[in-house]
Amino acid sequence: MNLTNQGSPARTVGSRADGIPSHIAESDNAPRFVEYVDSILDLAKLDQPITRADWDARLEVCLTVEPSRKLRILVPQEDLRRQGAFFTGPKWAQRLASVATKQQKSSSAAYHDPACGAGDLLLALARMLPIQPTFQETISRWGAQLSGVDISEQFVRLAKARLTLLAASRCGICPPMASKLPSDPFPKIRVGDSLIPSQSVPRSDVVIMNPPFGYTAAPATCSWTTGRVNAAALFVDRSIREATAGTHIAAILPDVLRSGSRYRKLRRALREAGTVHLEKPLGLFDPQTDVDIYLLHFEKSHDASRPMVAAARPRQGVGRWFAVRVGPVVPHRDAESGPLVPFIHARSIPRWREHCTIAETRRFAGTLIQPPFVCVRRTSRPGCGDRAVSTLILGEDAVAVENHLIVLIPNDGTVNTCRQLIQRLESPKTNKWLDARLRCRHLTTAALAEMPWWQEF
C-alpha cells in the first residue's frame, strides 16, 4: 500500500513543499526519513564504487522490507491505522502482480498504479517483466510500460530509485557504471492526485493498486454515496469509470468494500461495468494492521451498454423467514421524548438465552418492535467464533431496540421459528459462512438475510 493517504480535494493528509507527507513531516523523525530517502537516491546513481557484498546487502533491504520497517519506526501505529497508510509488502505485492500479469499475453503490456507510494507494486511487476540486452534498454522498456501517481514527490523519487536498482540487479550491474543513466528514468511515474478530476489517467492494459484505507469526504460528483467514505472506494470508482474496454483492474482492498452495506451501490456499479473474475478474502493485512482485506480482479466490459445483472435475492435463506432490520434507537441522537417504553441494548440482554423481563426503560417516540423476535449483536469480529451472538426477546409489550442490535422478526410471528433461528445461529456452519461472507467488524442486515437456512446444523 502507498505511504500517503490520497483523497478528494478535501483530503486531510497531503504533502509539504519539500515533498514529505504531512503525517511524517510532523514526526520528530522526519530528518531521519529524508536521510533514508537520500541514501537510496545516492545508491541509485550507480556512480560510487562499492563492494559486491555491500551492494548485494543494500539491494536486499531497499528492494524488500526496509521501507515498510522505516515507516513503522517513523510514524506511530495509531496514526498509520487512522490514515490507512501502510506499505503493501512483498507478500501481497507478489500475489497481486501475479493476478495482474496472468491475463496479459503481450510482454509489452502497460501497467498503472494510481496510488504508487514507494513503488512496492511496480517493483513486483518489474520482477516479472523481461530484461533487455543492456541495462539502459531495460530501463527504457520498463519506463514505457510502468506508470504511477503519488501526491508525495519524495515517494515518487524513491519509487524510481528502487526500480532503477532492481533493473541494475537483474542486469548484473555493480557500481560504478561506465555509462550514464537516463536523465529521467521512469518518466510516467509522477507526482499527482489520482482522485482530482483534472489528473489525467494514462492508457493502460492493467490498473494495479492497493490504495489508502483511510476515510475522506466523498466528492459532490460521487453518484453512490455522500459523507465520509473509505478512500479505497473512490480509487476503485474512478478506475472503473476511466478504464477502457478490456482493461483489467487488480487490487487489494479493505474487505468492507466487498461486504459492507455502505458500498452495495459501488459493487453494483462494478458488476454493471464489467466482469468480476475474483473476489477472494485474504484475512488481516499483516500482524500489525487490524484491517481485513480481499483481492479483486475485474475486467472492464467490451460492451459498455450491456444491461446490469441484478444480484440474486435470497430464496431459501434467513431472509425468507424473517424481516431483518437494525434497531431503530440511536441513543446519542434520539431525544428522550414520547411514551416510556421497555428498552434493550447489547449490554442489557443475556447471550444465547430467552429474555422476557425487561427492567430498563426510556422515552421513545419512534418505531417499537413487538415480541417475539431475535436480536443479534452487530459487533462481530471475524475468526473469533460466535459471530452471531443472539437473544430471543419474549413478552407482551413492544420494545425499543438500540441500533447496535440487528432485529430479526419472524414472518409467521411464532416463538418456535425464533428458536429454530437461534439453533442455526449457534452452529459452527454459521461462523464459517459469516467469516467468508463478511470480514468487517460489524454484521450487516444483508449478510444475515442471505445466510442459509441450514437443514443440518
Protein backbone atom coordinates (compact mmCIF):
# COMPACT_ATOMS: atom_id res chain seq x y z
CA MET A 1 0.00 0.00 0.00
CA ASN A 2 1.19 3.52 -0.60
CA LEU A 3 2.55 5.65 2.20
CA THR A 4 0.25 8.60 1.63
CA ASN A 5 -3.44 8.98 2.20
CA GLN A 6 -4.63 10.31 -1.12
CA GLY A 7 -8.17 11.55 -1.30
CA SER A 8 -10.56 14.08 -2.71
CA PRO A 9 -9.65 17.79 -2.79
CA ALA A 10 -10.89 17.87 0.83
CA ARG A 11 -8.44 15.20 1.94
CA THR A 12 -6.92 15.56 5.40
CA VAL A 13 -3.43 14.35 4.53
CA GLY A 14 -1.15 15.95 1.97
CA SER A 15 2.44 16.93 1.31
CA ARG A 16 4.56 19.89 2.35
CA ALA A 17 6.52 21.96 -0.13
CA ASP A 18 9.55 19.69 0.35
CA GLY A 19 7.53 16.69 -0.81
CA ILE A 20 7.31 14.95 2.58
CA PRO A 21 3.87 13.51 3.50
CA SER A 22 2.44 15.71 6.24
CA HIS A 23 1.83 12.87 8.71
CA ILE A 24 5.58 12.03 8.52
CA ALA A 25 6.74 15.65 8.38
CA GLU A 26 5.08 16.27 11.75
CA SER A 27 7.11 13.46 13.31
CA ASP A 28 10.35 14.14 15.19
CA ASN A 29 11.90 11.51 12.92
CA ALA A 30 11.28 13.49 9.69
CA PRO A 31 15.01 14.36 9.22
CA ARG A 32 15.89 10.67 9.53
CA PHE A 33 13.30 9.87 6.88
CA VAL A 34 14.84 12.41 4.48
CA GLU A 35 18.29 10.94 5.13
CA TYR A 36 16.96 7.46 4.33
CA VAL A 37 15.42 8.58 1.03
CA ASP A 38 18.63 10.41 0.09
CA SER A 39 20.68 7.28 0.78
CA ILE A 40 18.56 5.25 -1.65
CA LEU A 41 18.75 8.00 -4.28
CA ASP A 42 22.55 8.16 -3.92
CA LEU A 43 22.78 4.38 -4.27
CA ALA A 44 20.67 4.50 -7.45
CA LYS A 45 23.11 6.91 -9.14
CA LEU A 46 25.42 3.89 -9.60
CA ASP A 47 28.48 6.17 -9.68
CA GLN A 48 30.28 5.30 -6.46
CA PRO A 49 32.50 2.21 -6.05
CA ILE A 50 31.01 -0.42 -3.74
CA THR A 51 31.98 -3.97 -2.87
CA ARG A 52 29.81 -6.76 -4.23
CA ALA A 53 28.93 -7.89 -0.71
CA ASP A 54 27.83 -4.38 0.35
CA TRP A 55 25.96 -3.91 -2.93
CA ASP A 56 24.01 -7.14 -2.53
CA ALA A 57 23.20 -6.36 1.10
CA ARG A 58 21.95 -2.84 0.30
CA LEU A 59 19.80 -4.10 -2.55
CA GLU A 60 18.25 -6.82 -0.39
CA VAL A 61 16.91 -4.38 2.18
CA CYS A 62 15.88 -1.46 -0.01
CA LEU A 63 14.06 -3.68 -2.53
CA THR A 64 12.13 -5.71 0.05
CA VAL A 65 11.19 -4.93 3.64
CA GLU A 66 13.25 -1.90 4.69
CA PRO A 67 10.84 0.85 3.51
CA SER A 68 8.00 -0.72 5.50
CA ARG A 69 10.22 -1.05 8.56
CA LYS A 70 11.28 2.60 8.28
CA LEU A 71 7.65 3.66 8.01
CA ARG A 72 6.70 1.88 11.23
CA ILE A 73 9.67 3.43 13.04
CA LEU A 74 8.87 6.94 11.83
CA VAL A 75 5.11 7.07 12.30
CA PRO A 76 3.09 5.92 15.36
CA GLN A 77 1.00 2.83 14.65
CA GLU A 78 -2.23 4.57 15.64
CA ASP A 79 -1.59 7.31 13.07
CA LEU A 80 -0.96 4.74 10.36
CA ARG A 81 -4.17 2.91 11.20
CA ARG A 82 -6.22 6.11 11.33
CA GLN A 83 -4.94 7.26 7.94
CA GLY A 84 -4.89 3.82 6.35
CA ALA A 85 -1.23 4.30 5.39
CA PHE A 86 0.76 1.08 5.04
CA PHE A 87 3.17 -0.40 2.51
CA THR A 88 1.90 -3.36 0.53
CA GLY A 89 4.92 -5.53 1.34
CA PRO A 90 6.47 -8.33 -0.75
CA LYS A 91 3.85 -10.98 0.11
CA TRP A 92 0.77 -9.15 -1.13
CA ALA A 93 2.65 -7.29 -3.87
CA GLN A 94 3.82 -10.54 -5.44
CA ARG A 95 0.37 -12.09 -5.23
CA LEU A 96 -1.30 -9.07 -6.78
CA ALA A 97 1.30 -8.82 -9.55
CA SER A 98 0.71 -12.48 -10.41
CA VAL A 99 -3.01 -11.78 -10.89
CA ALA A 100 -2.26 -8.60 -12.86
CA THR A 101 0.07 -10.31 -15.34
CA LYS A 102 -1.75 -13.62 -15.71
CA GLN A 103 -4.12 -12.47 -18.47
CA GLN A 104 -1.53 -10.40 -20.37
CA LYS A 105 -0.21 -12.27 -23.40
CA SER A 106 1.95 -9.36 -24.60
CA SER A 107 5.31 -8.76 -22.93
CA SER A 108 4.85 -5.02 -23.61
CA ALA A 109 1.56 -4.60 -21.68
CA ALA A 110 1.19 -1.27 -19.86
CA TYR A 111 0.57 -1.16 -16.09
CA HIS A 112 -0.59 1.77 -13.95
CA ASP A 113 -0.69 2.24 -10.16
CA PRO A 114 -2.84 5.26 -9.17
CA ALA A 115 -1.52 5.24 -5.59
CA CYS A 116 2.05 4.03 -6.09
CA GLY A 117 3.73 5.34 -2.92
CA ALA A 118 7.29 3.99 -2.77
CA GLY A 119 6.65 1.57 -5.63
CA ASP A 120 6.07 -1.82 -3.99
CA LEU A 121 3.54 -2.96 -6.62
CA LEU A 122 5.55 -1.56 -9.52
CA LEU A 123 8.61 -3.42 -8.25
CA ALA A 124 6.62 -6.66 -8.08
CA LEU A 125 5.53 -6.14 -11.69
CA ALA A 126 9.06 -5.27 -12.83
CA ARG A 127 10.35 -8.54 -11.38
CA MET A 128 8.09 -10.30 -13.92
CA LEU A 129 8.99 -8.15 -16.92
CA PRO A 130 11.71 -9.37 -19.31
CA ILE A 131 15.10 -7.65 -19.28
CA GLN A 132 16.64 -6.28 -22.46
CA PRO A 133 20.17 -6.82 -23.86
CA THR A 134 21.52 -3.81 -21.93
CA PHE A 135 20.77 -2.10 -18.64
CA GLN A 136 19.84 1.17 -20.39
CA GLU A 137 17.45 -0.65 -22.75
CA THR A 138 15.83 -2.38 -19.79
CA ILE A 139 15.26 0.96 -18.03
CA SER A 140 13.80 2.39 -21.25
CA ARG A 141 11.43 -0.55 -21.84
CA TRP A 142 10.23 -0.70 -18.23
CA GLY A 143 9.79 3.08 -18.25
CA ALA A 144 7.43 2.79 -21.20
CA GLN A 145 5.36 0.06 -19.52
CA LEU A 146 5.12 1.25 -15.92
CA SER A 147 3.26 4.36 -14.77
CA GLY A 148 2.17 5.59 -11.37
CA VAL A 149 0.97 8.58 -9.38
CA ASP A 150 1.51 9.70 -5.79
CA ILE A 151 0.97 13.02 -4.00
CA SER A 152 4.46 12.86 -2.42
CA GLU A 153 7.44 13.92 -4.53
CA GLN A 154 9.75 12.13 -2.11
CA PHE A 155 7.99 8.81 -2.66
CA VAL A 156 7.86 9.23 -6.41
CA ARG A 157 11.64 9.71 -6.37
CA LEU A 158 12.02 6.72 -4.07
CA ALA A 159 9.89 4.51 -6.37
CA LYS A 160 12.00 5.47 -9.39
CA ALA A 161 15.23 4.83 -7.48
CA ARG A 162 14.10 1.40 -6.33
CA LEU A 163 13.07 0.42 -9.87
CA THR A 164 16.46 1.58 -11.16
CA LEU A 165 18.19 -0.55 -8.53
CA LEU A 166 16.03 -3.56 -9.41
CA ALA A 167 16.94 -3.19 -13.08
CA ALA A 168 20.62 -2.97 -12.17
CA SER A 169 20.32 -6.09 -10.02
CA ARG A 170 18.55 -8.11 -12.70
CA CYS A 171 21.02 -6.96 -15.38
CA GLY A 172 24.02 -7.86 -13.22
CA ILE A 173 25.23 -4.26 -12.82
CA CYS A 174 27.51 -3.32 -9.91
CA PRO A 175 28.63 0.33 -9.46
CA PRO A 176 30.41 2.30 -10.69
CA MET A 177 28.87 2.37 -14.16
CA ALA A 178 30.89 3.42 -17.19
CA SER A 179 27.90 4.98 -18.99
CA LYS A 180 25.34 7.45 -17.66
CA LEU A 181 21.79 6.71 -16.55
CA PRO A 182 18.85 8.27 -18.43
CA SER A 183 18.21 11.83 -17.23
CA ASP A 184 14.65 10.94 -16.19
CA PRO A 185 14.19 7.20 -15.71
CA PHE A 186 10.56 6.07 -15.48
CA PRO A 187 9.04 9.34 -16.76
CA LYS A 188 5.47 8.02 -16.40
CA ILE A 189 5.78 7.80 -12.61
CA ARG A 190 4.95 11.29 -11.41
CA VAL A 191 3.58 13.49 -8.65
CA GLY A 192 -0.18 13.97 -8.67
CA ASP A 193 -3.51 13.10 -7.04
CA SER A 194 -5.45 10.35 -8.79
CA LEU A 195 -8.74 11.47 -7.24
CA ILE A 196 -8.67 15.00 -8.66
CA PRO A 197 -10.72 15.06 -11.88
CA SER A 198 -8.10 17.16 -13.67
CA GLN A 199 -5.46 14.46 -13.09
CA SER A 200 -5.17 12.58 -16.37
CA VAL A 201 -5.27 8.78 -16.27
CA PRO A 202 -2.75 7.13 -18.63
CA ARG A 203 -3.89 4.44 -21.03
CA SER A 204 -3.03 1.05 -19.56
CA ASP A 205 -3.84 -2.61 -20.02
CA VAL A 206 -3.88 -3.22 -16.25
CA VAL A 207 -4.58 -0.96 -13.27
CA ILE A 208 -2.90 -2.43 -10.20
CA MET A 209 -3.42 -0.87 -6.79
CA ASN A 210 -3.52 -1.14 -3.05
CA PRO A 211 -4.96 2.32 -2.31
CA PRO A 212 -5.20 4.10 1.06
CA PHE A 213 -7.68 2.65 3.55
CA GLY A 214 -8.28 5.91 5.44
CA TYR A 215 -11.53 7.88 5.34
CA THR A 216 -12.15 11.05 3.39
CA ALA A 217 -15.07 13.13 2.12
CA ALA A 218 -16.88 11.80 -0.92
CA PRO A 219 -16.81 14.41 -3.71
CA ALA A 220 -20.04 16.06 -4.85
CA THR A 221 -19.79 14.15 -8.13
CA CYS A 222 -19.94 10.75 -6.38
CA SER A 223 -23.13 9.05 -7.55
CA TRP A 224 -23.34 6.25 -5.00
CA THR A 225 -22.71 7.83 -1.59
CA THR A 226 -22.22 11.03 0.40
CA GLY A 227 -20.29 12.00 3.52
CA ARG A 228 -17.18 10.23 4.77
CA VAL A 229 -16.13 7.20 2.79
CA ASN A 230 -13.19 4.82 2.62
CA ALA A 231 -10.69 6.38 0.19
CA ALA A 232 -10.08 2.98 -1.41
CA ALA A 233 -13.67 3.02 -2.70
CA LEU A 234 -13.05 6.30 -4.51
CA PHE A 235 -9.97 4.85 -6.21
CA VAL A 236 -12.00 1.84 -7.37
CA ASP A 237 -14.83 4.09 -8.54
CA ARG A 238 -12.58 6.28 -10.69
CA SER A 239 -10.65 3.31 -12.06
CA ILE A 240 -13.91 1.72 -13.23
CA ARG A 241 -15.13 4.90 -14.89
CA GLU A 242 -11.83 5.80 -16.58
CA ALA A 243 -10.86 2.31 -17.76
CA THR A 244 -11.31 1.45 -21.41
CA ALA A 245 -12.90 -1.77 -22.65
CA GLY A 246 -10.71 -4.78 -21.91
CA THR A 247 -8.72 -3.12 -19.11
CA HIS A 248 -8.09 -5.34 -16.08
CA ILE A 249 -8.10 -3.99 -12.51
CA ALA A 250 -6.20 -5.96 -9.86
CA ALA A 251 -6.48 -4.55 -6.36
CA ILE A 252 -6.00 -5.32 -2.68
CA LEU A 253 -8.82 -3.55 -0.85
CA PRO A 254 -10.34 -3.32 2.64
CA ASP A 255 -12.94 -6.06 3.00
CA VAL A 256 -15.64 -3.55 3.91
CA LEU A 257 -15.86 -2.72 0.18
CA ARG A 258 -16.73 -6.36 -0.53
CA SER A 259 -19.15 -6.93 2.31
CA GLY A 260 -20.29 -3.65 3.84
CA SER A 261 -23.82 -2.34 3.21
CA ARG A 262 -22.45 1.18 2.63
CA TYR A 263 -20.72 0.02 -0.57
CA ARG A 264 -23.56 -2.02 -2.10
CA LYS A 265 -24.11 0.54 -4.87
CA LEU A 266 -20.40 0.56 -5.68
CA ARG A 267 -20.43 -3.24 -6.04
CA ARG A 268 -23.48 -2.96 -8.30
CA ALA A 269 -21.66 -0.41 -10.49
CA LEU A 270 -18.69 -2.76 -10.66
CA ARG A 271 -20.80 -5.61 -11.98
CA GLU A 272 -22.66 -3.35 -14.37
CA ALA A 273 -19.39 -2.12 -15.89
CA GLY A 274 -17.73 -5.49 -16.50
CA THR A 275 -16.84 -8.90 -15.13
CA VAL A 276 -15.63 -9.65 -11.62
CA HIS A 277 -13.25 -12.58 -12.11
CA LEU A 278 -12.19 -12.86 -8.48
CA GLU A 279 -13.18 -11.58 -5.03
CA LYS A 280 -11.08 -13.51 -2.53
CA PRO A 281 -10.91 -12.68 1.20
CA LEU A 282 -7.29 -12.68 2.41
CA GLY A 283 -7.65 -12.08 6.16
CA LEU A 284 -5.61 -9.47 8.02
CA PHE A 285 -3.36 -7.12 6.03
CA ASP A 286 -0.48 -8.02 8.35
CA PRO A 287 0.01 -8.86 12.06
CA GLN A 288 0.40 -5.18 12.98
CA THR A 289 -2.53 -3.89 10.91
CA ASP A 290 -6.01 -4.69 12.20
CA VAL A 291 -7.70 -4.48 8.79
CA ASP A 292 -9.16 -7.38 6.81
CA ILE A 293 -8.55 -7.26 3.08
CA TYR A 294 -9.58 -9.02 -0.11
CA LEU A 295 -8.22 -9.41 -3.63
CA LEU A 296 -10.28 -8.07 -6.52
CA HIS A 297 -9.76 -8.93 -10.19
CA PHE A 298 -12.10 -7.05 -12.53
CA GLU A 299 -12.26 -6.67 -16.32
CA LYS A 300 -13.99 -3.71 -17.96
CA SER A 301 -16.65 -4.88 -20.37
CA HIS A 302 -16.13 -4.61 -24.13
CA ASP A 303 -19.85 -3.90 -24.32
CA ALA A 304 -20.33 -0.73 -22.32
CA SER A 305 -24.09 -0.81 -22.96
CA ARG A 306 -24.76 -4.28 -21.59
CA PRO A 307 -27.57 -4.32 -19.00
CA MET A 308 -26.87 -4.55 -15.32
CA VAL A 309 -27.21 -8.02 -13.87
CA ALA A 310 -29.15 -7.78 -10.63
CA ALA A 311 -27.80 -9.65 -7.66
CA ALA A 312 -29.78 -12.77 -6.84
CA ARG A 313 -32.12 -12.29 -3.90
CA PRO A 314 -32.06 -14.93 -1.18
CA ARG A 315 -34.82 -17.51 -1.73
CA GLN A 316 -34.08 -20.14 0.88
CA GLY A 317 -32.06 -18.13 3.41
CA VAL A 318 -32.93 -16.43 6.68
CA GLY A 319 -34.47 -13.54 4.71
CA ARG A 320 -37.26 -15.87 3.56
CA TRP A 321 -38.37 -16.49 7.13
CA PHE A 322 -37.55 -13.19 8.88
CA ALA A 323 -37.68 -9.45 8.35
CA VAL A 324 -34.17 -8.22 9.12
CA ARG A 325 -33.53 -4.65 10.25
CA VAL A 326 -31.32 -2.56 12.52
CA GLY A 327 -32.66 -1.48 15.90
CA PRO A 328 -34.26 1.97 15.48
CA VAL A 329 -32.93 3.70 18.64
CA VAL A 330 -29.77 5.81 18.26
CA PRO A 331 -29.15 6.72 21.92
CA HIS A 332 -26.99 9.83 21.42
CA ARG A 333 -29.15 11.20 18.60
CA ASP A 334 -32.75 10.37 19.52
CA ALA A 335 -34.27 12.68 22.10
CA GLU A 336 -35.85 11.02 25.12
CA SER A 337 -39.37 12.11 24.35
CA GLY A 338 -42.63 10.27 23.87
CA PRO A 339 -44.04 7.40 25.92
CA LEU A 340 -41.97 5.48 28.47
CA VAL A 341 -41.27 2.06 26.92
CA PRO A 342 -39.15 -1.06 27.59
CA PHE A 343 -35.66 -0.58 26.15
CA ILE A 344 -32.93 -3.12 25.30
CA HIS A 345 -29.33 -2.72 24.17
CA ALA A 346 -26.37 -5.07 23.69
CA ARG A 347 -25.25 -4.79 27.34
CA SER A 348 -28.66 -5.35 28.90
CA ILE A 349 -29.64 -8.71 27.39
CA PRO A 350 -28.07 -12.14 28.01
CA ARG A 351 -26.16 -14.05 25.34
CA TRP A 352 -27.79 -17.14 23.81
CA ARG A 353 -30.83 -17.06 26.12
CA GLU A 354 -34.52 -16.22 26.12
CA HIS A 355 -35.32 -12.92 27.79
CA CYS A 356 -38.78 -11.75 28.80
CA THR A 357 -38.30 -9.43 31.79
CA ILE A 358 -37.07 -6.05 30.56
CA ALA A 359 -36.32 -3.78 33.51
CA GLU A 360 -34.76 -0.84 31.64
CA THR A 361 -36.99 1.81 30.10
CA ARG A 362 -36.64 5.05 28.18
CA ARG A 363 -38.86 7.55 26.43
CA PHE A 364 -39.03 6.96 22.69
CA ALA A 365 -41.47 8.18 20.05
CA GLY A 366 -40.16 6.05 17.20
CA THR A 367 -40.78 2.50 15.97
CA LEU A 368 -41.17 -0.25 18.58
CA ILE A 369 -40.70 -3.98 17.94
CA GLN A 370 -43.35 -6.44 19.09
CA PRO A 371 -42.04 -9.76 20.55
CA PRO A 372 -41.28 -12.46 19.78
CA PHE A 373 -38.12 -11.53 17.85
CA VAL A 374 -34.42 -12.36 17.83
CA CYS A 375 -31.70 -9.79 18.50
CA VAL A 376 -28.17 -10.27 17.13
CA ARG A 377 -25.26 -8.12 18.26
CA ARG A 378 -23.84 -6.13 15.34
CA THR A 379 -20.29 -6.05 16.70
CA SER A 380 -18.75 -9.30 15.47
CA ARG A 381 -15.05 -9.97 14.91
CA PRO A 382 -14.07 -12.44 12.16
CA GLY A 383 -12.27 -15.60 13.21
CA CYS A 384 -13.27 -15.49 16.87
CA GLY A 385 -16.27 -17.84 16.78
CA ASP A 386 -19.79 -16.89 17.89
CA ARG A 387 -20.20 -14.43 15.01
CA ALA A 388 -23.96 -14.06 15.50
CA VAL A 389 -24.49 -13.84 19.27
CA SER A 390 -28.26 -13.75 19.74
CA THR A 391 -31.06 -13.39 22.29
CA LEU A 392 -34.73 -14.33 21.95
CA ILE A 393 -36.94 -11.48 23.21
CA LEU A 394 -40.33 -12.52 24.61
CA GLY A 395 -43.15 -10.68 26.36
CA GLU A 396 -46.37 -8.79 25.72
CA ASP A 397 -45.13 -5.22 25.34
CA ALA A 398 -43.49 -3.70 22.26
CA VAL A 399 -39.81 -2.85 22.80
CA ALA A 400 -37.44 -0.04 21.81
CA VAL A 401 -34.23 -1.59 20.43
CA GLU A 402 -30.81 0.08 20.24
CA ASN A 403 -29.11 0.36 16.84
CA HIS A 404 -26.15 -1.83 17.93
CA LEU A 405 -28.55 -4.77 17.65
CA ILE A 406 -29.95 -6.34 14.49
CA VAL A 407 -33.59 -7.37 14.86
CA LEU A 408 -34.98 -10.48 13.13
CA ILE A 409 -38.78 -10.59 13.20
CA PRO A 410 -40.39 -13.92 12.24
CA ASN A 411 -42.81 -13.65 9.33
CA ASP A 412 -45.10 -16.20 10.98
CA GLY A 413 -44.91 -14.42 14.36
CA THR A 414 -44.09 -17.63 16.31
CA VAL A 415 -41.63 -18.32 19.08
CA ASN A 416 -40.83 -21.71 17.55
CA THR A 417 -39.42 -20.13 14.37
CA CYS A 418 -37.27 -17.82 16.52
CA ARG A 419 -35.89 -20.82 18.42
CA GLN A 420 -35.08 -22.57 15.16
CA LEU A 421 -33.15 -19.48 14.04
CA ILE A 422 -31.09 -19.33 17.22
CA GLN A 423 -30.16 -23.01 16.83
CA ARG A 424 -28.81 -22.16 13.38
CA LEU A 425 -27.04 -19.02 14.57
CA GLU A 426 -25.17 -21.10 17.16
CA SER A 427 -24.00 -23.56 14.52
CA PRO A 428 -20.29 -23.72 13.50
CA LYS A 429 -21.63 -23.58 9.94
CA THR A 430 -22.87 -20.06 10.60
CA ASN A 431 -19.49 -18.93 11.97
CA LYS A 432 -17.69 -20.36 8.95
CA TRP A 433 -20.16 -18.86 6.48
CA LEU A 434 -20.08 -15.40 8.06
CA ASP A 435 -16.27 -15.42 8.22
CA ALA A 436 -16.23 -15.96 4.45
CA ARG A 437 -19.09 -13.56 3.70
CA LEU A 438 -18.15 -10.69 5.99
CA ARG A 439 -14.65 -9.74 7.17
CA CYS A 440 -15.52 -6.36 8.66
CA ARG A 441 -16.16 -5.95 12.39
CA HIS A 442 -19.92 -5.45 12.16
CA LEU A 443 -22.65 -7.75 10.91
CA THR A 444 -24.99 -6.33 8.29
CA THR A 445 -28.68 -6.91 7.67
CA ALA A 446 -27.86 -8.06 4.13
CA ALA A 447 -25.44 -10.75 5.35
CA LEU A 448 -27.90 -12.14 7.90
CA ALA A 449 -30.74 -12.13 5.36
CA GLU A 450 -28.54 -14.05 2.89
CA MET A 451 -27.39 -16.60 5.47
CA PRO A 452 -28.52 -20.12 4.51
CA TRP A 453 -31.30 -21.75 6.48
CA TRP A 454 -29.25 -24.80 7.40
CA GLN A 455 -31.10 -28.10 7.21
CA GLU A 456 -28.34 -29.81 9.19
CA PHE A 457 -26.55 -27.81 11.85
